[in-house]
Amino acid sequence: MKINGLIWFDDIIEKLIKKHNVQQSEVREVLSGKQNFRFVEKGHRSGENVYAAMGKTNSGRYLIVFFVYKTDKRALILSARDMTKTERKLYEKT
């Protein structure tokens, strides 16, 4: 999966910081580094489904980023948080 850009909404950025202590730069690091994508669910629009990317930030933090993969190959960021222990084990196996 190739991502050509990110789409951010202000309320999502605020939620990432306040609820999950995740910065925009960390999301960018996960999506531009070695990540493991997985399908989450069908989107409301045809061809625009929800995916998760599991990856590691430059500082060593393991995050999972949820996004809608748009038809123009941009990612609409929905959420990001620290991986659970189970998610991290799955990520490390790949």
N, C-alpha and C. Protein backbone atom coordinates (compact mmCIF):
# COMPACT_ATOMS: atom_id res chain seq x y z
N MET A 1 0.85 -1.18 0.00
CA MET A 1 0.00 0.00 0.00
C MET A 1 0.89 1.24 0.00
N LYS A 2 0.64 2.13 -0.93
CA LYS A 2 1.43 3.35 -1.03
C LYS A 2 0.56 4.52 -0.58
N ILE A 3 1.08 5.32 0.34
CA ILE A 3 0.37 6.50 0.83
C ILE A 3 1.07 7.73 0.29
N ASN A 4 0.30 8.56 -0.43
CA ASN A 4 0.87 9.75 -1.07
C ASN A 4 0.65 11.03 -0.28
N GLY A 5 0.06 10.96 0.89
CA GLY A 5 -0.16 12.15 1.70
C GLY A 5 -1.12 11.84 2.82
N LEU A 6 -1.20 12.76 3.78
CA LEU A 6 -2.07 12.58 4.94
C LEU A 6 -3.11 13.68 4.99
N ILE A 7 -4.30 13.33 5.44
CA ILE A 7 -5.37 14.29 5.65
C ILE A 7 -5.63 14.34 7.15
N TRP A 8 -5.59 15.55 7.70
CA TRP A 8 -5.76 15.76 9.13
C TRP A 8 -6.97 16.64 9.39
N PHE A 9 -7.76 16.29 10.40
CA PHE A 9 -8.81 17.17 10.90
C PHE A 9 -8.38 17.64 12.28
N ASP A 10 -8.66 18.91 12.58
CA ASP A 10 -8.22 19.51 13.84
C ASP A 10 -8.71 18.74 15.06
N ASP A 11 -9.95 18.28 15.05
CA ASP A 11 -10.47 17.55 16.21
C ASP A 11 -9.76 16.22 16.41
N ILE A 12 -9.31 15.59 15.33
CA ILE A 12 -8.56 14.33 15.45
C ILE A 12 -7.17 14.61 16.03
N ILE A 13 -6.52 15.66 15.55
CA ILE A 13 -5.21 16.03 16.08
C ILE A 13 -5.30 16.27 17.58
N GLU A 14 -6.34 17.00 17.99
CA GLU A 14 -6.53 17.30 19.41
C GLU A 14 -6.77 16.03 20.22
N LYS A 15 -7.59 15.11 19.68
CA LYS A 15 -7.86 13.84 20.37
C LYS A 15 -6.58 13.01 20.52
N LEU A 16 -5.78 12.96 19.46
CA LEU A 16 -4.54 12.18 19.51
C LEU A 16 -3.63 12.68 20.64
N ILE A 17 -3.55 13.99 20.77
CA ILE A 17 -2.68 14.56 21.79
C ILE A 17 -3.26 14.38 23.18
N LYS A 18 -4.52 14.74 23.36
CA LYS A 18 -5.13 14.72 24.70
C LYS A 18 -5.42 13.31 25.21
N LYS A 19 -5.98 12.46 24.36
CA LYS A 19 -6.40 11.14 24.82
C LYS A 19 -5.29 10.10 24.75
N HIS A 20 -4.45 10.15 23.70
CA HIS A 20 -3.47 9.09 23.47
C HIS A 20 -2.02 9.57 23.57
N ASN A 21 -1.81 10.87 23.75
CA ASN A 21 -0.47 11.45 23.83
C ASN A 21 0.37 11.09 22.60
N VAL A 22 -0.26 11.18 21.43
CA VAL A 22 0.41 10.87 20.17
C VAL A 22 0.52 12.17 19.36
N GLN A 23 1.71 12.44 18.86
CA GLN A 23 1.96 13.63 18.07
C GLN A 23 1.83 13.31 16.58
N GLN A 24 1.53 14.33 15.77
CA GLN A 24 1.43 14.15 14.32
C GLN A 24 2.73 13.58 13.74
N SER A 25 3.84 14.04 14.25
CA SER A 25 5.13 13.57 13.75
C SER A 25 5.30 12.07 13.97
N GLU A 26 4.76 11.55 15.07
CA GLU A 26 4.85 10.11 15.33
C GLU A 26 4.01 9.32 14.34
N VAL A 27 2.85 9.85 13.99
CA VAL A 27 2.00 9.18 12.99
C VAL A 27 2.73 9.15 11.66
N ARG A 28 3.36 10.26 11.29
CA ARG A 28 4.12 10.31 10.03
C ARG A 28 5.25 9.29 10.03
N GLU A 29 5.94 9.15 11.17
CA GLU A 29 7.05 8.19 11.28
C GLU A 29 6.55 6.76 11.06
N VAL A 30 5.42 6.42 11.66
CA VAL A 30 4.87 5.07 11.52
C VAL A 30 4.49 4.81 10.06
N LEU A 31 3.84 5.78 9.43
CA LEU A 31 3.37 5.58 8.06
C LEU A 31 4.48 5.64 7.02
N SER A 32 5.62 6.21 7.37
CA SER A 32 6.72 6.28 6.41
C SER A 32 7.80 5.23 6.67
N GLY A 33 7.73 4.54 7.80
CA GLY A 33 8.71 3.52 8.14
C GLY A 33 8.23 2.13 7.78
N LYS A 34 8.83 1.13 8.42
CA LYS A 34 8.40 -0.26 8.23
C LYS A 34 7.10 -0.45 9.01
N GLN A 35 6.04 -0.67 8.27
CA GLN A 35 4.76 -0.85 8.93
C GLN A 35 4.07 -2.10 8.43
N ASN A 36 3.09 -2.52 9.18
CA ASN A 36 2.31 -3.69 8.85
C ASN A 36 0.86 -3.22 8.72
N PHE A 37 0.33 -3.22 7.49
CA PHE A 37 -1.05 -2.79 7.26
C PHE A 37 -2.01 -3.95 7.42
N ARG A 38 -3.20 -3.64 7.91
CA ARG A 38 -4.25 -4.65 7.94
C ARG A 38 -5.60 -3.97 7.69
N PHE A 39 -6.46 -4.68 7.00
CA PHE A 39 -7.81 -4.21 6.72
C PHE A 39 -8.60 -4.24 8.01
N VAL A 40 -9.39 -3.18 8.27
CA VAL A 40 -10.22 -3.13 9.48
C VAL A 40 -11.69 -3.31 9.13
N GLU A 41 -12.19 -2.47 8.22
CA GLU A 41 -13.59 -2.58 7.82
C GLU A 41 -13.85 -1.83 6.53
N LYS A 42 -14.97 -2.18 5.88
CA LYS A 42 -15.37 -1.47 4.67
C LYS A 42 -15.75 -0.05 5.02
N GLY A 43 -15.37 0.87 4.14
CA GLY A 43 -15.70 2.27 4.36
C GLY A 43 -17.10 2.60 3.90
N HIS A 44 -17.54 3.81 4.22
CA HIS A 44 -18.87 4.26 3.82
C HIS A 44 -18.94 4.56 2.33
N ARG A 45 -17.80 4.88 1.73
CA ARG A 45 -17.73 5.15 0.29
C ARG A 45 -17.00 4.00 -0.39
N SER A 46 -17.46 3.67 -1.57
CA SER A 46 -16.86 2.58 -2.33
C SER A 46 -15.37 2.84 -2.57
N GLY A 47 -14.54 1.84 -2.26
CA GLY A 47 -13.10 1.94 -2.48
C GLY A 47 -12.34 2.70 -1.41
N GLU A 48 -13.03 3.19 -0.39
CA GLU A 48 -12.37 3.93 0.70
C GLU A 48 -12.61 3.19 2.01
N ASN A 49 -11.74 2.23 2.27
CA ASN A 49 -11.88 1.37 3.44
C ASN A 49 -11.00 1.84 4.59
N VAL A 50 -11.28 1.31 5.78
CA VAL A 50 -10.51 1.64 6.98
C VAL A 50 -9.42 0.59 7.16
N TYR A 51 -8.21 1.08 7.40
CA TYR A 51 -7.04 0.24 7.62
C TYR A 51 -6.34 0.66 8.90
N ALA A 52 -5.50 -0.25 9.38
CA ALA A 52 -4.63 0.06 10.51
C ALA A 52 -3.20 -0.20 10.07
N ALA A 53 -2.31 0.67 10.51
CA ALA A 53 -0.88 0.48 10.26
C ALA A 53 -0.19 0.36 11.61
N MET A 54 0.49 -0.74 11.81
CA MET A 54 1.26 -0.92 13.03
C MET A 54 2.72 -0.64 12.70
N GLY A 55 3.36 0.16 13.54
CA GLY A 55 4.75 0.50 13.29
C GLY A 55 5.43 1.07 14.51
N LYS A 56 6.70 1.37 14.34
CA LYS A 56 7.54 1.85 15.43
C LYS A 56 8.04 3.26 15.09
N THR A 57 7.98 4.16 16.06
CA THR A 57 8.48 5.51 15.84
C THR A 57 10.00 5.53 15.97
N ASN A 58 10.61 6.64 15.58
CA ASN A 58 12.06 6.77 15.68
C ASN A 58 12.54 6.67 17.13
N SER A 59 11.68 7.04 18.08
CA SER A 59 12.06 6.97 19.49
C SER A 59 11.80 5.60 20.10
N GLY A 60 11.24 4.66 19.30
CA GLY A 60 11.02 3.30 19.79
C GLY A 60 9.62 3.01 20.28
N ARG A 61 8.71 3.93 20.10
CA ARG A 61 7.33 3.74 20.55
C ARG A 61 6.57 2.91 19.50
N TYR A 62 5.82 1.91 19.95
CA TYR A 62 5.02 1.07 19.07
C TYR A 62 3.60 1.62 19.00
N LEU A 63 3.20 2.07 17.80
CA LEU A 63 1.88 2.67 17.63
C LEU A 63 1.07 1.93 16.59
N ILE A 64 -0.25 2.05 16.73
CA ILE A 64 -1.17 1.60 15.69
C ILE A 64 -1.95 2.83 15.23
N VAL A 65 -2.00 3.03 13.92
CA VAL A 65 -2.65 4.20 13.33
C VAL A 65 -3.81 3.72 12.48
N PHE A 66 -5.00 4.26 12.73
CA PHE A 66 -6.19 3.92 11.97
C PHE A 66 -6.48 5.03 10.98
N PHE A 67 -6.79 4.65 9.74
CA PHE A 67 -7.02 5.65 8.71
C PHE A 67 -7.93 5.12 7.60
N VAL A 68 -8.54 6.04 6.87
CA VAL A 68 -9.29 5.70 5.67
C VAL A 68 -8.34 5.89 4.50
N TYR A 69 -8.20 4.85 3.69
CA TYR A 69 -7.35 4.93 2.50
C TYR A 69 -8.21 5.47 1.36
N LYS A 70 -7.96 6.72 0.99
CA LYS A 70 -8.76 7.41 -0.02
C LYS A 70 -8.38 6.93 -1.42
N THR A 71 -9.27 7.16 -2.38
CA THR A 71 -9.02 6.71 -3.74
C THR A 71 -7.83 7.42 -4.38
N ASP A 72 -7.46 8.61 -3.87
CA ASP A 72 -6.28 9.31 -4.39
C ASP A 72 -4.99 8.91 -3.68
N LYS A 73 -5.07 7.83 -2.90
CA LYS A 73 -3.93 7.24 -2.17
C LYS A 73 -3.45 8.07 -0.99
N ARG A 74 -4.30 8.99 -0.51
CA ARG A 74 -3.99 9.70 0.73
C ARG A 74 -4.67 8.97 1.88
N ALA A 75 -4.14 9.17 3.08
CA ALA A 75 -4.69 8.55 4.28
C ALA A 75 -5.38 9.62 5.13
N LEU A 76 -6.65 9.42 5.39
CA LEU A 76 -7.41 10.28 6.30
C LEU A 76 -7.25 9.69 7.69
N ILE A 77 -6.50 10.36 8.52
CA ILE A 77 -6.18 9.84 9.85
C ILE A 77 -7.43 9.87 10.74
N LEU A 78 -7.73 8.72 11.36
CA LEU A 78 -8.88 8.61 12.26
C LEU A 78 -8.46 8.57 13.72
N SER A 79 -7.38 7.84 14.01
CA SER A 79 -6.92 7.69 15.38
C SER A 79 -5.53 7.07 15.38
N ALA A 80 -4.86 7.16 16.51
CA ALA A 80 -3.56 6.51 16.72
C ALA A 80 -3.37 6.34 18.21
N ARG A 81 -2.77 5.21 18.58
CA ARG A 81 -2.55 4.93 20.00
C ARG A 81 -1.42 3.93 20.13
N ASP A 82 -0.99 3.70 21.37
CA ASP A 82 0.01 2.68 21.64
C ASP A 82 -0.60 1.31 21.35
N MET A 83 0.22 0.42 20.82
CA MET A 83 -0.24 -0.95 20.58
C MET A 83 -0.49 -1.65 21.91
N THR A 84 -1.45 -2.58 21.89
CA THR A 84 -1.62 -3.46 23.03
C THR A 84 -0.51 -4.51 22.99
N LYS A 85 -0.36 -5.27 24.06
CA LYS A 85 0.65 -6.34 24.08
C LYS A 85 0.42 -7.34 22.96
N THR A 86 -0.83 -7.70 22.72
CA THR A 86 -1.16 -8.65 21.66
C THR A 86 -0.81 -8.09 20.29
N GLU A 87 -1.14 -6.82 20.04
CA GLU A 87 -0.81 -6.19 18.76
C GLU A 87 0.70 -6.12 18.56
N ARG A 88 1.41 -5.81 19.63
CA ARG A 88 2.87 -5.71 19.51
C ARG A 88 3.49 -7.06 19.17
N LYS A 89 3.02 -8.12 19.79
CA LYS A 89 3.52 -9.46 19.47
C LYS A 89 3.25 -9.80 18.00
N LEU A 90 2.06 -9.46 17.52
CA LEU A 90 1.72 -9.70 16.13
C LEU A 90 2.64 -8.90 15.21
N TYR A 91 2.88 -7.65 15.53
CA TYR A 91 3.75 -6.80 14.73
C TYR A 91 5.18 -7.34 14.70
N GLU A 92 5.68 -7.78 15.83
CA GLU A 92 7.06 -8.26 15.91
C GLU A 92 7.26 -9.58 15.17
N LYS A 93 6.19 -10.34 14.92
CA LYS A 93 6.28 -11.59 14.18
C LYS A 93 6.48 -11.34 12.69
N THR A 94 6.12 -10.14 12.21
CA THR A 94 6.21 -9.86 10.78
C THR A 94 7.57 -9.32 10.40
